[in-house]
Every structure is written in structure tokens, then in C-alpha cells.
C-alpha atoms as a PDB file:
ATOM      1  CA  MET A   1     -21.402 -86.374 -16.324  1.00  0.00           C
ATOM      2  CA  THR A   2     -20.624 -86.741 -19.158  1.00  0.00           C
ATOM      3  CA  ALA A   3     -23.724 -89.208 -21.758  1.00  0.00           C
ATOM      4  CA  LEU A   4     -21.581 -92.766 -23.302  1.00  0.00           C
ATOM      5  CA  LYS A   5     -20.588 -93.162 -26.443  1.00  0.00           C
ATOM      6  CA  GLN A   6     -22.688 -95.956 -27.550  1.00  0.00           C
ATOM      7  CA  THR A   7     -19.681 -97.939 -28.070  1.00  0.00           C
ATOM      8  CA  GLU A   8     -18.623 -97.821 -24.419  1.00  0.00           C
ATOM      9  CA  TRP A   9     -21.957 -98.433 -23.202  1.00  0.00           C
ATOM     10  CA  ALA A  10     -21.254-101.551 -25.753  1.00  0.00           C
ATOM     11  CA  ARG A  11     -18.224-102.352 -24.476  1.00  0.00           C
ATOM     12  CA  ILE A  12     -19.417-102.208 -20.759  1.00  0.00           C
ATOM     13  CA  MET A  13     -22.847-104.580 -20.984  1.00  0.00           C
ATOM     14  CA  ALA A  14     -20.817-106.881 -22.757  1.00  0.00           C
ATOM     15  CA  HIS A  15     -17.609-107.171 -21.021  1.00  0.00           C
ATOM     16  CA  ALA A  16     -20.592-107.513 -17.651  1.00  0.00           C
ATOM     17  CA  TRP A  17     -22.822-110.379 -19.939  1.00  0.00           C
ATOM     18  CA  ARG A  18     -19.552-111.794 -19.766  1.00  0.00           C
ATOM     19  CA  ASN A  19     -18.061-111.703 -16.623  1.00  0.00           C
ATOM     20  CA  ALA A  20     -20.271-112.217 -13.176  1.00  0.00           C
ATOM     21  CA  GLN A  21     -18.507-110.472 -11.099  1.00  0.00           C
ATOM     22  CA  PHE A  22     -17.296-107.765 -12.960  1.00  0.00           C
ATOM     23  CA  LYS A  23     -21.517-107.249 -13.317  1.00  0.00           C
ATOM     24  CA  ALA A  24     -22.096-107.523  -9.814  1.00  0.00           C
ATOM     25  CA  GLU A  25     -19.343-105.065  -9.163  1.00  0.00           C
ATOM     26  CA  LEU A  26     -20.799-102.886 -11.483  1.00  0.00           C
ATOM     27  CA  GLU A  27     -23.915-103.026  -9.340  1.00  0.00           C
ATOM     28  CA  ARG A  28     -22.576-102.774  -6.586  1.00  0.00           C
ATOM     29  CA  ASP A  29     -20.798 -99.539  -7.277  1.00  0.00           C
ATOM     30  CA  PRO A  30     -20.663 -98.399 -10.709  1.00  0.00           C
ATOM     31  CA  ARG A  31     -17.896 -95.877 -10.628  1.00  0.00           C
ATOM     32  CA  LYS A  32     -15.163 -98.129  -8.379  1.00  0.00           C
ATOM     33  CA  ALA A  33     -16.161-100.945 -10.350  1.00  0.00           C
ATOM     34  CA  LEU A  34     -16.212 -98.518 -13.523  1.00  0.00           C
ATOM     35  CA  GLU A  35     -12.680 -96.894 -12.783  1.00  0.00           C
ATOM     36  CA  GLU A  36     -10.366 -99.900 -11.686  1.00  0.00           C
ATOM     37  CA  HIS A  37     -12.014-101.792 -15.097  1.00  0.00           C
ATOM     38  CA  ARG A  38     -11.579 -97.911 -16.969  1.00  0.00           C
ATOM     39  CA  GLU A  39      -7.730 -99.307 -18.823  1.00  0.00           C
ATOM     40  CA  GLU A  40      -9.580-102.636 -20.049  1.00  0.00           C
ATOM     41  CA  LEU A  41     -12.574-101.046 -21.109  1.00  0.00           C
ATOM     42  CA  GLY A  42     -10.808 -98.408 -23.186  1.00  0.00           C
ATOM     43  CA  LEU A  43     -13.894 -95.851 -20.879  1.00  0.00           C
ATOM     44  CA  SER A  44     -12.523 -91.911 -20.357  1.00  0.00           C
ATOM     45  CA  LYS A  45     -15.084 -90.939 -18.389  1.00  0.00           C
ATOM     46  CA  ASP A  46     -16.956 -92.483 -15.649  1.00  0.00           C
ATOM     47  CA  PHE A  47     -19.900 -93.016 -14.437  1.00  0.00           C
ATOM     48  CA  GLU A  48     -23.504 -94.173 -12.601  1.00  0.00           C
ATOM     49  CA  PHE A  49     -26.187 -96.804 -14.692  1.00  0.00           C
ATOM     50  CA  SER A  50     -28.587 -99.581 -14.543  1.00  0.00           C
ATOM     51  CA  MET A  51     -27.301-103.183 -15.571  1.00  0.00           C
ATOM     52  CA  PRO A  52     -30.109-104.420 -18.618  1.00  0.00           C
ATOM     53  CA  ASP A  53     -31.178-107.332 -18.323  1.00  0.00           C
ATOM     54  CA  ARG A  54     -28.501-109.578 -21.287  1.00  0.00           C
ATOM     55  CA  PRO A  55     -30.121-110.619 -24.581  1.00  0.00           C
ATOM     56  CA  ASP A  56     -30.928-113.963 -25.422  1.00  0.00           C
ATOM     57  CA  TYR A  57     -29.751-112.979 -29.080  1.00  0.00           C
ATOM     58  CA  LEU A  58     -27.111-112.332 -28.193  1.00  0.00           C
ATOM     59  CA  THR A  59     -23.789-115.421 -28.092  1.00  0.00           C
ATOM     60  CA  ASP A  60     -20.895-115.300 -25.908  1.00  0.00           C
ATOM     61  CA  GLU A  61     -18.794-115.287 -28.815  1.00  0.00           C
ATOM     62  CA  GLN A  62     -20.622-111.469 -30.665  1.00  0.00           C
ATOM     63  CA  LEU A  63     -19.938-110.461 -26.286  1.00  0.00           C
ATOM     64  CA  ASP A  64     -16.606-111.515 -26.319  1.00  0.00           C
ATOM     65  CA  ARG A  65     -15.772-109.455 -29.916  1.00  0.00           C
ATOM     66  CA  ILE A  66     -18.130-106.504 -28.636  1.00  0.00           C
ATOM     67  CA  ALA A  67     -16.336-106.867 -24.829  1.00  0.00           C
ATOM     68  CA  LYS A  68     -12.717-106.414 -26.640  1.00  0.00           C
ATOM     69  CA  GLY A  69     -13.795-103.192 -29.299  1.00  0.00           C
ATOM     70  CA  ASP A  70     -14.883-104.680 -31.578  1.00  0.00           C
ATOM     71  CA  THR A  71     -17.783-102.031 -33.072  1.00  0.00           C
ATOM     72  CA  SER A  72     -19.022-104.162 -35.906  1.00  0.00           C
ATOM     73  CA  SER A  73     -21.012-105.564 -33.109  1.00  0.00           C
ATOM     74  CA  VAL A  74     -22.873-102.157 -31.725  1.00  0.00           C
ATOM     75  CA  LEU A  75     -26.052-102.493 -33.932  1.00  0.00           C
ATOM     76  CA  ILE A  76     -26.841-103.773 -30.510  1.00  0.00           C
ATOM     77  CA  THR A  77     -26.945-100.981 -28.335  1.00  0.00           C
ATOM     78  CA  ARG A  78     -29.766 -98.619 -30.343  1.00  0.00           C
ATOM     79  CA  ALA A  79     -32.223-101.900 -29.521  1.00  0.00           C
ATOM     80  CA  LEU A  80     -31.425-101.484 -25.841  1.00  0.00           C
ATOM     81  CA  PHE A  81     -31.391 -97.508 -25.366  1.00  0.00           C
ATOM     82  CA  SER A  82     -33.788 -96.164 -28.626  1.00  0.00           C
ATOM     83  CA  CYS A  83     -36.586 -96.010 -26.232  1.00  0.00           C
END
């Protein structure tokens, strides 16, 4: 499997934090959820991962922008995945 780009992680997480049904699908069967939402998320790859909790500091508006592909807000992924 190929590693995801930061922009892909940001879109997936923001979409899941804003859409409880997608988050549940993602946690239940990541490959299936991503395949079903691949076009909507703009993904070219599928993968497996554990969904982190939604950060308290992100507003719904910021998550909506990230989920729609606004990469100007992608800075959040550096803090989430730099461990």
C-alpha cells in the first residue's frame, strides 16, 4: 500500500469528523468506505487506518473547507501525524 499525502489525510479526516455515518463506515470497513467515497474525496488510492478523535480547535467551517479540498488549511495534519 502506498502512503497517503497530507492533503488526502486532511480530506478524509475532515469528512469523517463532519459526517458521522462516513466515520462509522470508515471505522467498520476502511477499504469499502474509501472505495465508495473515493470520487467524493478525490482519492486515487485505498488504505487502512485508525481514525483519530476530532481536534477541539477545528471549527465546522474549517472542516468543511478541508473536506472540499482547500489545502490552505492542511497545516493541521502536521500536528496530527508528526509523532
